[in-house]
Amino acid sequence: MKCPGQDTQYWKPGDIFDAKCPECGRRVEFFKDDTSRKCPGCGHRFVNPSMDFGCAAYCQYAEQCLGDLPPELMAQKEDLLKDRVAIAMKRYFKQDFKRIGHATKVARHAERIGKMEGANMAVVLTAAYLHDIGIPEAERKHDSSAAKYQEEEGPPVAREILENLGAREPLIDEVCDIVGHHHHPREEETLNFKAVYDADLIVNLAEKQKENSTDPERLESIIQKSFLTPAGADAARKALLD
């Protein structure tokens, strides 16, 4: 069955239109499902300015449906992925609201830190939502949620989730790498890892504060020694000391 959005029998007036070339100003005819067209005047290729990418922004078959996707659409596709990952994470944890809440808080802090540090937000948010995804398998196989078991069991689960969502292989590989050592920074780390690590540390420290309060001087010492990014340290001070 052909996608109704691509079937011309469902089209309406205005689905074929002219757009001005941004280079020479010539009018270029577009069909609504064209991702881009080349200007017959100057040869400049530009993205369809009126295209509603809709399902193409997240559908794993978008490339087959629409052809090669422009960089603008690929960026939008990965940006929308985080919302679907969040839903998949919640479904995986089922009624474990404590871990759902933890992952959601980590993602919120990771978003702020990642934006301040200039990280790849698709990777950062996906990894933040999935960083603890190995816990159920760790508890089932090892009767423990210890960090080493989380890191051992997490990547296969994260990979399956992301493959089912149609994520690109490079993103899957990097997210699985972060999930697989998110408690143990290497000597050299990516900015994406650092954003997730710092966000997780903030939430872990906040949760410990509720159980057993630490004095401000001790917290400041931990912040100075433990955080990997300036934005992470600043976010920790706001969350834990303000």
Protein backbone atom coordinates (compact mmCIF):
# COMPACT_ATOMS: atom_id res chain seq x y z
CA MET A 1 0.00 0.00 0.00
CA LYS A 2 1.32 3.41 -0.93
CA CYS A 3 1.61 6.03 1.80
CA PRO A 4 -1.48 8.32 1.41
CA GLY A 5 0.74 11.35 1.81
CA GLN A 6 2.67 10.34 -1.29
CA ASP A 7 -0.35 9.25 -3.38
CA THR A 8 -1.41 12.04 -5.74
CA GLN A 9 -5.07 10.97 -5.65
CA TYR A 10 -5.21 12.43 -2.12
CA TRP A 11 -3.54 15.70 -3.05
CA LYS A 12 -5.27 19.04 -2.84
CA PRO A 13 -4.89 22.38 -4.68
CA GLY A 14 -1.60 23.91 -3.66
CA ASP A 15 0.25 20.60 -3.34
CA ILE A 16 2.10 21.60 -6.52
CA PHE A 17 3.52 25.09 -6.15
CA ASP A 18 6.33 27.46 -7.04
CA ALA A 19 9.12 28.50 -4.68
CA LYS A 20 11.71 31.22 -5.17
CA CYS A 21 15.31 30.08 -5.57
CA PRO A 22 17.29 31.59 -2.67
CA GLU A 23 20.28 32.20 -4.96
CA CYS A 24 18.88 33.79 -8.13
CA GLY A 25 15.21 34.41 -7.32
CA ARG A 26 13.84 32.29 -10.18
CA ARG A 27 10.58 30.45 -9.57
CA VAL A 28 11.06 26.69 -9.20
CA GLU A 29 8.16 24.22 -9.37
CA PHE A 30 7.83 21.84 -6.41
CA PHE A 31 5.59 18.87 -5.76
CA LYS A 32 4.72 18.70 -2.06
CA ASP A 33 6.68 15.45 -1.62
CA ASP A 34 9.88 16.73 -3.25
CA THR A 35 12.61 16.92 -0.62
CA SER A 36 14.63 19.27 -2.85
CA ARG A 37 14.81 20.64 -6.41
CA LYS A 38 17.55 22.11 -8.58
CA CYS A 39 16.97 25.59 -9.94
CA PRO A 40 16.95 25.44 -13.77
CA GLY A 41 18.38 28.94 -13.85
CA CYS A 42 21.48 28.86 -11.65
CA GLY A 43 21.71 25.15 -10.78
CA HIS A 44 21.39 25.72 -7.02
CA ARG A 45 19.68 22.81 -5.21
CA PHE A 46 17.57 23.76 -2.21
CA VAL A 47 15.20 22.08 0.22
CA ASN A 48 11.44 22.21 -0.32
CA PRO A 49 10.46 25.21 1.87
CA SER A 50 6.86 24.02 2.33
CA MET A 51 7.37 20.32 2.85
CA ASP A 52 5.65 18.83 5.87
CA PHE A 53 8.15 16.15 6.79
CA GLY A 54 5.65 14.64 9.21
CA CYS A 55 6.21 10.92 9.56
CA ALA A 56 9.42 11.14 7.51
CA ALA A 57 11.08 12.80 10.47
CA TYR A 58 10.91 9.57 12.45
CA CYS A 59 9.96 6.73 10.09
CA GLN A 60 12.72 4.16 9.59
CA TYR A 61 11.63 3.77 5.94
CA ALA A 62 11.77 7.47 5.12
CA GLU A 63 14.86 7.12 2.92
CA GLN A 64 13.14 4.48 0.76
CA CYS A 65 9.94 6.49 0.64
CA LEU A 66 11.38 9.91 -0.17
CA GLY A 67 14.86 9.16 -1.46
CA ASP A 68 18.04 10.70 -0.05
CA LEU A 69 17.11 12.93 2.84
CA PRO A 70 18.68 16.39 3.13
CA PRO A 71 20.81 17.23 6.20
CA GLU A 72 18.03 19.42 7.59
CA LEU A 73 15.64 16.47 7.68
CA MET A 74 18.24 14.11 9.12
CA ALA A 75 18.79 16.58 11.98
CA GLN A 76 15.04 16.81 12.57
CA LYS A 77 14.73 13.01 12.45
CA GLU A 78 17.34 12.54 15.15
CA ASP A 79 15.88 15.36 17.24
CA LEU A 80 12.48 13.63 17.25
CA LEU A 81 14.09 10.30 18.14
CA LYS A 82 14.58 11.34 21.77
CA ASP A 83 10.81 11.52 22.34
CA ARG A 84 10.31 8.01 21.01
CA VAL A 85 13.23 6.74 23.10
CA ALA A 86 11.64 8.25 26.21
CA ILE A 87 8.41 6.36 25.48
CA ALA A 88 10.32 3.12 24.82
CA MET A 89 12.22 3.53 28.09
CA LYS A 90 8.99 3.94 30.04
CA ARG A 91 7.48 0.88 28.39
CA TYR A 92 10.58 -1.16 29.18
CA PHE A 93 10.63 -0.21 32.85
CA LYS A 94 6.83 -0.78 33.05
CA GLN A 95 5.70 0.02 36.60
CA ASP A 96 9.16 0.87 37.92
CA PHE A 97 8.33 4.54 38.41
CA LYS A 98 11.44 5.17 40.48
CA ARG A 99 13.74 4.33 37.57
CA ILE A 100 11.52 6.08 35.06
CA GLY A 101 11.69 9.20 37.22
CA HIS A 102 15.46 8.87 37.60
CA ALA A 103 16.01 8.56 33.83
CA THR A 104 13.70 11.50 33.13
CA LYS A 105 15.57 13.72 35.62
CA VAL A 106 18.93 12.70 34.15
CA ALA A 107 17.68 13.55 30.66
CA ARG A 108 16.49 16.96 31.85
CA HIS A 109 19.87 17.82 33.36
CA ALA A 110 21.72 16.30 30.39
CA GLU A 111 19.77 18.52 28.00
CA ARG A 112 20.81 21.68 29.84
CA ILE A 113 24.43 20.59 30.23
CA GLY A 114 24.70 19.33 26.67
CA LYS A 115 23.35 22.55 25.19
CA MET A 116 25.71 24.66 27.30
CA GLU A 117 28.69 22.51 26.28
CA GLY A 118 27.76 22.21 22.59
CA ALA A 119 27.24 18.42 22.62
CA ASN A 120 25.25 16.33 20.13
CA MET A 121 21.83 16.47 21.72
CA ALA A 122 20.42 13.44 19.90
CA VAL A 123 23.18 11.27 21.37
CA VAL A 124 23.10 12.92 24.78
CA LEU A 125 19.35 12.65 25.33
CA THR A 126 19.09 9.14 23.92
CA ALA A 127 21.91 7.94 26.16
CA ALA A 128 20.46 9.78 29.15
CA TYR A 129 17.09 8.07 28.80
CA LEU A 130 18.72 4.65 28.31
CA HIS A 131 21.72 4.86 30.65
CA ASP A 132 20.15 2.55 33.28
CA ILE A 133 18.28 0.33 30.83
CA GLY A 134 20.41 -2.68 31.82
CA ILE A 135 19.16 -2.78 35.41
CA PRO A 136 16.26 -5.24 34.91
CA GLU A 137 18.52 -7.73 33.14
CA ALA A 138 21.26 -7.20 35.73
CA GLU A 139 18.83 -8.00 38.53
CA ARG A 140 17.42 -10.98 36.66
CA LYS A 141 20.79 -12.51 35.73
CA HIS A 142 23.00 -11.42 38.62
CA ASP A 143 20.51 -10.60 41.36
CA SER A 144 22.21 -7.21 41.58
CA SER A 145 21.92 -3.72 40.10
CA ALA A 146 25.61 -2.99 40.72
CA ALA A 147 27.20 -0.61 38.22
CA LYS A 148 29.30 -3.26 36.50
CA TYR A 149 26.25 -5.41 35.81
CA GLN A 150 24.22 -2.42 34.56
CA GLU A 151 27.02 -1.60 32.14
CA GLU A 152 27.33 -5.22 31.01
CA GLU A 153 23.64 -5.79 30.37
CA GLY A 154 22.63 -2.33 29.15
CA PRO A 155 24.12 -2.07 25.64
CA PRO A 156 22.29 -5.08 24.10
CA VAL A 157 18.96 -3.80 25.40
CA ALA A 158 19.68 -0.24 24.24
CA ARG A 159 20.73 -1.50 20.81
CA GLU A 160 17.54 -3.50 20.35
CA ILE A 161 15.39 -0.52 21.33
CA LEU A 162 17.21 1.86 18.99
CA GLU A 163 17.24 -0.56 16.07
CA ASN A 164 13.49 -1.02 16.45
CA LEU A 165 13.11 2.76 16.34
CA GLY A 166 15.14 2.98 13.14
CA ALA A 167 18.05 4.98 14.59
CA ARG A 168 21.23 5.34 12.53
CA GLU A 169 24.05 2.90 13.26
CA PRO A 170 26.62 5.56 14.30
CA LEU A 171 24.19 6.97 16.87
CA ILE A 172 23.37 3.47 18.14
CA ASP A 173 27.06 2.63 18.51
CA GLU A 174 27.85 5.79 20.46
CA VAL A 175 24.83 5.51 22.74
CA CYS A 176 25.63 1.86 23.51
CA ASP A 177 29.22 2.80 24.27
CA ILE A 178 28.04 5.44 26.77
CA VAL A 179 25.53 3.06 28.36
CA GLY A 180 28.26 0.43 28.63
CA HIS A 181 30.52 2.52 30.87
CA HIS A 182 28.36 5.38 32.13
CA HIS A 183 29.62 5.00 35.71
CA HIS A 184 33.29 4.73 34.74
CA PRO A 185 34.82 7.59 32.73
CA ARG A 186 37.84 6.76 30.62
CA GLU A 187 40.96 8.90 30.59
CA GLU A 188 39.73 10.56 27.39
CA GLU A 189 35.99 11.05 27.02
CA THR A 190 33.62 12.59 24.47
CA LEU A 191 31.62 15.68 25.29
CA ASN A 192 28.46 13.60 24.86
CA PHE A 193 29.59 11.13 27.54
CA LYS A 194 30.55 13.94 29.90
CA ALA A 195 27.12 15.56 29.65
CA VAL A 196 25.37 12.28 30.51
CA TYR A 197 27.83 11.42 33.29
CA ASP A 198 27.47 14.81 34.96
CA ALA A 199 23.67 14.71 34.70
CA ASP A 200 23.54 11.24 36.25
CA LEU A 201 25.87 12.34 39.03
CA ILE A 202 23.65 15.32 39.87
CA VAL A 203 20.57 13.12 40.20
CA ASN A 204 22.43 10.46 42.19
CA LEU A 205 23.77 13.06 44.60
CA ALA A 206 20.32 14.64 44.97
CA GLU A 207 18.80 11.25 45.75
CA LYS A 208 21.48 10.58 48.37
CA GLN A 209 20.85 14.00 49.88
CA LYS A 210 17.26 13.01 50.57
CA GLU A 211 18.41 9.89 52.39
CA ASN A 212 21.37 11.32 54.26
CA SER A 213 22.11 15.04 54.03
CA THR A 214 25.68 16.12 53.28
CA ASP A 215 26.97 19.49 54.47
CA PRO A 216 27.53 22.19 51.81
CA GLU A 217 31.33 22.21 52.16
CA ARG A 218 31.50 18.48 51.49
CA LEU A 219 29.19 18.83 48.51
CA GLU A 220 31.29 21.64 47.07
CA SER A 221 34.38 19.46 47.40
CA ILE A 222 32.62 16.63 45.54
CA ILE A 223 31.51 19.00 42.81
CA GLN A 224 35.02 20.37 42.28
CA LYS A 225 36.58 16.92 42.09
CA SER A 226 33.95 14.82 40.35
CA PHE A 227 32.27 16.73 37.55
CA LEU A 228 33.63 16.55 34.00
CA THR A 229 32.23 19.79 32.55
CA PRO A 230 31.92 23.37 33.79
CA ALA A 231 28.22 23.35 32.88
CA GLY A 232 27.75 20.17 34.90
CA ALA A 233 29.45 21.65 37.96
CA ASP A 234 27.33 24.82 37.70
CA ALA A 235 24.14 22.77 37.34
CA ALA A 236 25.14 20.70 40.37
CA ARG A 237 25.63 23.80 42.51
CA LYS A 238 22.20 25.12 41.49
CA ALA A 239 20.53 21.77 42.17
CA LEU A 240 22.34 20.88 45.41
CA LEU A 241 23.52 24.10 47.05
CA ASP A 242 21.08 26.88 46.12
